[in-house]
Amino acid sequence: GMNGFVFATSECIGCKNLFSYNPNLVPSVMVRGVREPICMNCVEQANPERIKNGLEPINVMPGAYEPCAESEL
């Protein structure tokens, strides 16, 4: 049969720009107890700061900003 592909799209918690991502793989940050997705641009901006402050860098999984197969949901 036909396999569909799925993108989730929402506002980045960092820059408020809309972006698309694989909902299973997208990096996220905890905000008031809720996981909020973060875009690639914000990850790249945040990581040097995180490392400087002794935090783990945000890890981006391969395919995090690509559609996922419907069957993976």
PDB file of N, CA and C in Angstrom:
ATOM      1  N   GLY A   1       0.822  -1.201   0.000  1.00  0.00           N
ATOM      2  CA  GLY A   1       0.000   0.000   0.000  1.00  0.00           C
ATOM      3  C   GLY A   1       0.854   1.247   0.000  1.00  0.00           C
ATOM      4  N   MET A   2       0.190   2.351  -0.012  1.00  0.00           N
ATOM      5  CA  MET A   2       0.882   3.644  -0.006  1.00  0.00           C
ATOM      6  C   MET A   2       1.381   3.957   1.397  1.00  0.00           C
ATOM      7  N   ASN A   3       2.635   4.358   1.491  1.00  0.00           N
ATOM      8  CA  ASN A   3       3.155   4.819   2.771  1.00  0.00           C
ATOM      9  C   ASN A   3       3.155   6.334   2.779  1.00  0.00           C
ATOM     10  N   GLY A   4       2.545   6.916   3.809  1.00  0.00           N
ATOM     11  CA  GLY A   4       2.534   8.364   3.923  1.00  0.00           C
ATOM     12  C   GLY A   4       3.715   8.833   4.739  1.00  0.00           C
ATOM     13  N   PHE A   5       4.010  10.099   4.611  1.00  0.00           N
ATOM     14  CA  PHE A   5       5.044  10.711   5.428  1.00  0.00           C
ATOM     15  C   PHE A   5       4.433  11.823   6.261  1.00  0.00           C
ATOM     16  N   VAL A   6       4.959  11.982   7.441  1.00  0.00           N
ATOM     17  CA  VAL A   6       4.371  12.917   8.382  1.00  0.00           C
ATOM     18  C   VAL A   6       5.417  13.931   8.830  1.00  0.00           C
ATOM     19  N   PHE A   7       5.036  15.188   8.800  1.00  0.00           N
ATOM     20  CA  PHE A   7       5.809  16.275   9.380  1.00  0.00           C
ATOM     21  C   PHE A   7       4.992  16.823  10.534  1.00  0.00           C
ATOM     22  N   ALA A   8       5.604  17.125  11.610  1.00  0.00           N
ATOM     23  CA  ALA A   8       4.937  17.966  12.592  1.00  0.00           C
ATOM     24  C   ALA A   8       5.458  19.369  12.336  1.00  0.00           C
ATOM     25  N   THR A   9       4.614  20.344  12.511  1.00  0.00           N
ATOM     26  CA  THR A   9       5.023  21.733  12.350  1.00  0.00           C
ATOM     27  C   THR A   9       4.551  22.502  13.562  1.00  0.00           C
ATOM     28  N   SER A  10       5.443  23.250  14.164  1.00  0.00           N
ATOM     29  CA  SER A  10       5.028  24.106  15.267  1.00  0.00           C
ATOM     30  C   SER A  10       6.017  25.232  15.433  1.00  0.00           C
ATOM     31  N   GLU A  11       5.719  26.100  16.374  1.00  0.00           N
ATOM     32  CA  GLU A  11       6.575  27.234  16.669  1.00  0.00           C
ATOM     33  C   GLU A  11       7.752  26.751  17.497  1.00  0.00           C
ATOM     34  N   CYS A  12       8.947  27.215  17.154  1.00  0.00           N
ATOM     35  CA  CYS A  12      10.121  26.915  17.967  1.00  0.00           C
ATOM     36  C   CYS A  12       9.994  27.645  19.301  1.00  0.00           C
ATOM     37  N   ILE A  13      10.291  26.939  20.384  1.00  0.00           N
ATOM     38  CA  ILE A  13      10.221  27.546  21.711  1.00  0.00           C
ATOM     39  C   ILE A  13      11.258  28.660  21.858  1.00  0.00           C
ATOM     40  N   GLY A  14      12.326  28.587  21.055  1.00  0.00           N
ATOM     41  CA  GLY A  14      13.375  29.596  21.141  1.00  0.00           C
ATOM     42  C   GLY A  14      13.070  30.852  20.338  1.00  0.00           C
ATOM     43  N   CYS A  15      12.970  30.711  19.003  1.00  0.00           N
ATOM     44  CA  CYS A  15      12.875  31.877  18.120  1.00  0.00           C
ATOM     45  C   CYS A  15      11.457  32.187  17.665  1.00  0.00           C
ATOM     46  N   LYS A  16      10.506  31.307  17.984  1.00  0.00           N
ATOM     47  CA  LYS A  16       9.088  31.463  17.621  1.00  0.00           C
ATOM     48  C   LYS A  16       8.810  31.299  16.131  1.00  0.00           C
ATOM     49  N   ASN A  17       9.826  30.924  15.334  1.00  0.00           N
ATOM     50  CA  ASN A  17       9.574  30.651  13.925  1.00  0.00           C
ATOM     51  C   ASN A  17       8.926  29.288  13.781  1.00  0.00           C
ATOM     52  N   LEU A  18       8.047  29.149  12.776  1.00  0.00           N
ATOM     53  CA  LEU A  18       7.474  27.842  12.472  1.00  0.00           C
ATOM     54  C   LEU A  18       8.543  26.979  11.826  1.00  0.00           C
ATOM     55  N   PHE A  19       8.581  25.711  12.205  1.00  0.00           N
ATOM     56  CA  PHE A  19       9.498  24.781  11.551  1.00  0.00           C
ATOM     57  C   PHE A  19       8.881  23.398  11.537  1.00  0.00           C
ATOM     58  N   SER A  20       9.366  22.558  10.642  1.00  0.00           N
ATOM     59  CA  SER A  20       8.846  21.204  10.482  1.00  0.00           C
ATOM     60  C   SER A  20       9.865  20.207  10.984  1.00  0.00           C
ATOM     61  N   TYR A  21       9.367  19.075  11.495  1.00  0.00           N
ATOM     62  CA  TYR A  21      10.268  18.104  12.098  1.00  0.00           C
ATOM     63  C   TYR A  21       9.618  16.740  12.207  1.00  0.00           C
ATOM     64  N   ASN A  22      10.456  15.742  12.471  1.00  0.00           N
ATOM     65  CA  ASN A  22      10.005  14.393  12.779  1.00  0.00           C
ATOM     66  C   ASN A  22       9.631  14.391  14.261  1.00  0.00           C
ATOM     67  N   PRO A  23       8.358  14.165  14.600  1.00  0.00           N
ATOM     68  CA  PRO A  23       7.936  14.269  16.006  1.00  0.00           C
ATOM     69  C   PRO A  23       8.615  13.258  16.928  1.00  0.00           C
ATOM     70  N   ASN A  24       9.145  12.170  16.360  1.00  0.00           N
ATOM     71  CA  ASN A  24       9.822  11.162  17.188  1.00  0.00           C
ATOM     72  C   ASN A  24      11.262  11.528  17.518  1.00  0.00           C
ATOM     73  N   LEU A  25      11.865  12.399  16.716  1.00  0.00           N
ATOM     74  CA  LEU A  25      13.307  12.639  16.820  1.00  0.00           C
ATOM     75  C   LEU A  25      13.702  14.066  17.171  1.00  0.00           C
ATOM     76  N   VAL A  26      12.771  15.002  17.036  1.00  0.00           N
ATOM     77  CA  VAL A  26      13.121  16.419  17.211  1.00  0.00           C
ATOM     78  C   VAL A  26      13.675  16.680  18.617  1.00  0.00           C
ATOM     79  N   PRO A  27      14.748  17.479  18.723  1.00  0.00           N
ATOM     80  CA  PRO A  27      15.212  17.852  20.057  1.00  0.00           C
ATOM     81  C   PRO A  27      14.174  18.752  20.734  1.00  0.00           C
ATOM     82  N   SER A  28      14.091  18.655  22.036  1.00  0.00           N
ATOM     83  CA  SER A  28      13.130  19.479  22.758  1.00  0.00           C
ATOM     84  C   SER A  28      13.718  19.896  24.092  1.00  0.00           C
ATOM     85  N   VAL A  29      13.140  20.929  24.650  1.00  0.00           N
ATOM     86  CA  VAL A  29      13.557  21.416  25.961  1.00  0.00           C
ATOM     87  C   VAL A  29      12.335  21.430  26.870  1.00  0.00           C
ATOM     88  N   MET A  30      12.564  21.250  28.153  1.00  0.00           N
ATOM     89  CA  MET A  30      11.467  21.281  29.118  1.00  0.00           C
ATOM     90  C   MET A  30      11.150  22.732  29.462  1.00  0.00           C
ATOM     91  N   VAL A  31       9.903  23.119  29.283  1.00  0.00           N
ATOM     92  CA  VAL A  31       9.432  24.455  29.657  1.00  0.00           C
ATOM     93  C   VAL A  31       8.184  24.268  30.504  1.00  0.00           C
ATOM     94  N   ARG A  32       8.272  24.655  31.755  1.00  0.00           N
ATOM     95  CA  ARG A  32       7.160  24.491  32.690  1.00  0.00           C
ATOM     96  C   ARG A  32       6.581  23.080  32.642  1.00  0.00           C
ATOM     97  N   GLY A  33       7.469  22.087  32.609  1.00  0.00           N
ATOM     98  CA  GLY A  33       7.047  20.690  32.655  1.00  0.00           C
ATOM     99  C   GLY A  33       6.532  20.126  31.343  1.00  0.00           C
ATOM    100  N   VAL A  34       6.627  20.892  30.265  1.00  0.00           N
ATOM    101  CA  VAL A  34       6.165  20.424  28.951  1.00  0.00           C
ATOM    102  C   VAL A  34       7.356  20.396  27.997  1.00  0.00           C
ATOM    103  N   ARG A  35       7.476  19.302  27.228  1.00  0.00           N
ATOM    104  CA  ARG A  35       8.534  19.218  26.212  1.00  0.00           C
ATOM    105  C   ARG A  35       8.163  20.085  25.034  1.00  0.00           C
ATOM    106  N   GLU A  36       9.030  21.043  24.694  1.00  0.00           N
ATOM    107  CA  GLU A  36       8.783  21.954  23.574  1.00  0.00           C
ATOM    108  C   GLU A  36       9.854  21.759  22.511  1.00  0.00           C
ATOM    109  N   PRO A  37       9.450  21.557  21.236  1.00  0.00           N
ATOM    110  CA  PRO A  37      10.438  21.360  20.164  1.00  0.00           C
ATOM    111  C   PRO A  37      11.262  22.611  19.900  1.00  0.00           C
ATOM    112  N   ILE A  38      12.517  22.382  19.498  1.00  0.00           N
ATOM    113  CA  ILE A  38      13.444  23.487  19.242  1.00  0.00           C
ATOM    114  C   ILE A  38      14.073  23.296  17.856  1.00  0.00           C
ATOM    115  N   CYS A  39      14.162  24.389  17.092  1.00  0.00           N
ATOM    116  CA  CYS A  39      14.647  24.289  15.712  1.00  0.00           C
ATOM    117  C   CYS A  39      16.173  24.168  15.660  1.00  0.00           C
ATOM    118  N   MET A  40      16.660  23.735  14.517  1.00  0.00           N
ATOM    119  CA  MET A  40      18.093  23.515  14.300  1.00  0.00           C
ATOM    120  C   MET A  40      18.894  24.788  14.567  1.00  0.00           C
ATOM    121  N   ASN A  41      18.391  25.915  14.103  1.00  0.00           N
ATOM    122  CA  ASN A  41      19.087  27.181  14.272  1.00  0.00           C
ATOM    123  C   ASN A  41      19.280  27.489  15.766  1.00  0.00           C
ATOM    124  N   CYS A  42      18.229  27.294  16.546  1.00  0.00           N
ATOM    125  CA  CYS A  42      18.324  27.571  17.984  1.00  0.00           C
ATOM    126  C   CYS A  42      19.232  26.567  18.691  1.00  0.00           C
ATOM    127  N   VAL A  43      19.213  25.310  18.257  1.00  0.00           N
ATOM    128  CA  VAL A  43      20.125  24.305  18.823  1.00  0.00           C
ATOM    129  C   VAL A  43      21.565  24.759  18.597  1.00  0.00           C
ATOM    130  N   GLU A  44      21.857  25.202  17.354  1.00  0.00           N
ATOM    131  CA  GLU A  44      23.223  25.621  17.019  1.00  0.00           C
ATOM    132  C   GLU A  44      23.647  26.850  17.813  1.00  0.00           C
ATOM    133  N   GLN A  45      22.691  27.718  18.131  1.00  0.00           N
ATOM    134  CA  GLN A  45      23.001  28.899  18.930  1.00  0.00           C
ATOM    135  C   GLN A  45      23.158  28.549  20.407  1.00  0.00           C
ATOM    136  N   ALA A  46      22.350  27.602  20.882  1.00  0.00           N
ATOM    137  CA  ALA A  46      22.333  27.254  22.309  1.00  0.00           C
ATOM    138  C   ALA A  46      23.539  26.409  22.718  1.00  0.00           C
ATOM    139  N   ASN A  47      23.996  25.524  21.837  1.00  0.00           N
ATOM    140  CA  ASN A  47      25.011  24.554  22.242  1.00  0.00           C
ATOM    141  C   ASN A  47      26.330  25.163  22.733  1.00  0.00           C
ATOM    142  N   PRO A  48      26.899  26.157  22.064  1.00  0.00           N
ATOM    143  CA  PRO A  48      28.154  26.725  22.602  1.00  0.00           C
ATOM    144  C   PRO A  48      27.961  27.290  24.010  1.00  0.00           C
ATOM    145  N   GLU A  49      26.811  27.904  24.246  1.00  0.00           N
ATOM    146  CA  GLU A  49      26.480  28.472  25.547  1.00  0.00           C
ATOM    147  C   GLU A  49      26.323  27.359  26.593  1.00  0.00           C
ATOM    148  N   ARG A  50      25.649  26.285  26.202  1.00  0.00           N
ATOM    149  CA  ARG A  50      25.447  25.144  27.103  1.00  0.00           C
ATOM    150  C   ARG A  50      26.792  24.531  27.498  1.00  0.00           C
ATOM    151  N   ILE A  51      27.657  24.333  26.508  1.00  0.00           N
ATOM    152  CA  ILE A  51      28.970  23.728  26.757  1.00  0.00           C
ATOM    153  C   ILE A  51      29.792  24.621  27.690  1.00  0.00           C
ATOM    154  N   LYS A  52      29.731  25.940  27.431  1.00  0.00           N
ATOM    155  CA  LYS A  52      30.447  26.905  28.259  1.00  0.00           C
ATOM    156  C   LYS A  52      29.971  26.838  29.713  1.00  0.00           C
ATOM    157  N   ASN A  53      28.678  26.569  29.902  1.00  0.00           N
ATOM    158  CA  ASN A  53      28.090  26.491  31.251  1.00  0.00           C
ATOM    159  C   ASN A  53      28.154  25.086  31.854  1.00  0.00           C
ATOM    160  N   GLY A  54      28.905  24.193  31.191  1.00  0.00           N
ATOM    161  CA  GLY A  54      29.092  22.850  31.731  1.00  0.00           C
ATOM    162  C   GLY A  54      27.915  21.916  31.513  1.00  0.00           C
ATOM    163  N   LEU A  55      26.991  22.290  30.621  1.00  0.00           N
ATOM    164  CA  LEU A  55      25.846  21.434  30.313  1.00  0.00           C
ATOM    165  C   LEU A  55      26.148  20.578  29.094  1.00  0.00           C
ATOM    166  N   GLU A  56      25.428  19.474  28.973  1.00  0.00           N
ATOM    167  CA  GLU A  56      25.540  18.655  27.768  1.00  0.00           C
ATOM    168  C   GLU A  56      24.978  19.445  26.587  1.00  0.00           C
ATOM    169  N   PRO A  57      25.629  19.393  25.427  1.00  0.00           N
ATOM    170  CA  PRO A  57      25.020  20.022  24.250  1.00  0.00           C
ATOM    171  C   PRO A  57      23.726  19.288  23.871  1.00  0.00           C
ATOM    172  N   ILE A  58      22.809  19.992  23.235  1.00  0.00           N
ATOM    173  CA  ILE A  58      21.583  19.362  22.739  1.00  0.00           C
ATOM    174  C   ILE A  58      21.973  18.474  21.578  1.00  0.00           C
ATOM    175  N   ASN A  59      21.594  17.210  21.660  1.00  0.00           N
ATOM    176  CA  ASN A  59      21.926  16.228  20.638  1.00  0.00           C
ATOM    177  C   ASN A  59      20.832  16.215  19.574  1.00  0.00           C
ATOM    178  N   VAL A  60      21.217  16.338  18.308  1.00  0.00           N
ATOM    179  CA  VAL A  60      20.256  16.271  17.206  1.00  0.00           C
ATOM    180  C   VAL A  60      20.377  14.919  16.532  1.00  0.00           C
ATOM    181  N   MET A  61      19.298  14.143  16.591  1.00  0.00           N
ATOM    182  CA  MET A  61      19.277  12.824  15.969  1.00  0.00           C
ATOM    183  C   MET A  61      19.228  12.964  14.451  1.00  0.00           C
ATOM    184  N   PRO A  62      19.899  12.039  13.709  1.00  0.00           N
ATOM    185  CA  PRO A  62      19.779  12.076  12.243  1.00  0.00           C
ATOM    186  C   PRO A  62      18.302  11.991  11.854  1.00  0.00           C
ATOM    187  N   GLY A  63      17.878  12.843  10.924  1.00  0.00           N
ATOM    188  CA  GLY A  63      16.486  12.824  10.463  1.00  0.00           C
ATOM    189  C   GLY A  63      15.524  13.632  11.314  1.00  0.00           C
ATOM    190  N   ALA A  64      16.033  14.325  12.332  1.00  0.00           N
ATOM    191  CA  ALA A  64      15.161  15.065  13.249  1.00  0.00           C
ATOM    192  C   ALA A  64      14.339  16.135  12.541  1.00  0.00           C
ATOM    193  N   TYR A  65      14.880  16.693  11.455  1.00  0.00           N
ATOM    194  CA  TYR A  65      14.185  17.775  10.759  1.00  0.00           C
ATOM    195  C   TYR A  65      13.685  17.322   9.387  1.00  0.00           C
ATOM    196  N   GLU A  66      13.453  16.011   9.256  1.00  0.00           N
ATOM    197  CA  GLU A  66      12.910  15.420   8.029  1.00  0.00           C
ATOM    198  C   GLU A  66      11.598  14.720   8.368  1.00  0.00           C
ATOM    199  N   PRO A  67      10.754  14.473   7.355  1.00  0.00           N
ATOM    200  CA  PRO A  67       9.497  13.781   7.651  1.00  0.00           C
ATOM    201  C   PRO A  67       9.754  12.351   8.078  1.00  0.00           C
ATOM    202  N   CYS A  68       8.848  11.792   8.847  1.00  0.00           N
ATOM    203  CA  CYS A  68       8.972  10.377   9.211  1.00  0.00           C
ATOM    204  C   CYS A  68       7.866   9.602   8.510  1.00  0.00           C
ATOM    205  N   ALA A  69       8.086   8.317   8.317  1.00  0.00           N
ATOM    206  CA  ALA A  69       7.065   7.462   7.723  1.00  0.00           C
ATOM    207  C   ALA A  69       5.878   7.367   8.671  1.00  0.00           C
ATOM    208  N   GLU A  70       4.683   7.352   8.109  1.00  0.00           N
ATOM    209  CA  GLU A  70       3.455   7.214   8.900  1.00  0.00           C
ATOM    210  C   GLU A  70       3.525   6.011   9.819  1.00  0.00           C
ATOM    211  N   SER A  71       4.174   4.949   9.336  1.00  0.00           N
ATOM    212  CA  SER A  71       4.267   3.712  10.106  1.00  0.00           C
ATOM    213  C   SER A  71       5.101   3.857  11.373  1.00  0.00           C
ATOM    214  N   GLU A  72       5.924   4.937  11.457  1.00  0.00           N
ATOM    215  CA  GLU A  72       6.770   5.152  12.634  1.00  0.00           C
ATOM    216  C   GLU A  72       6.041   5.855  13.764  1.00  0.00           C
ATOM    217  N   LEU A  73       4.846   6.374  13.501  1.00  0.00           N
ATOM    218  CA  LEU A  73       4.115   7.126  14.529  1.00  0.00           C
ATOM    219  C   LEU A  73       3.506   6.196  15.567  1.00  0.00           C
TER     220      LEU A  73
END
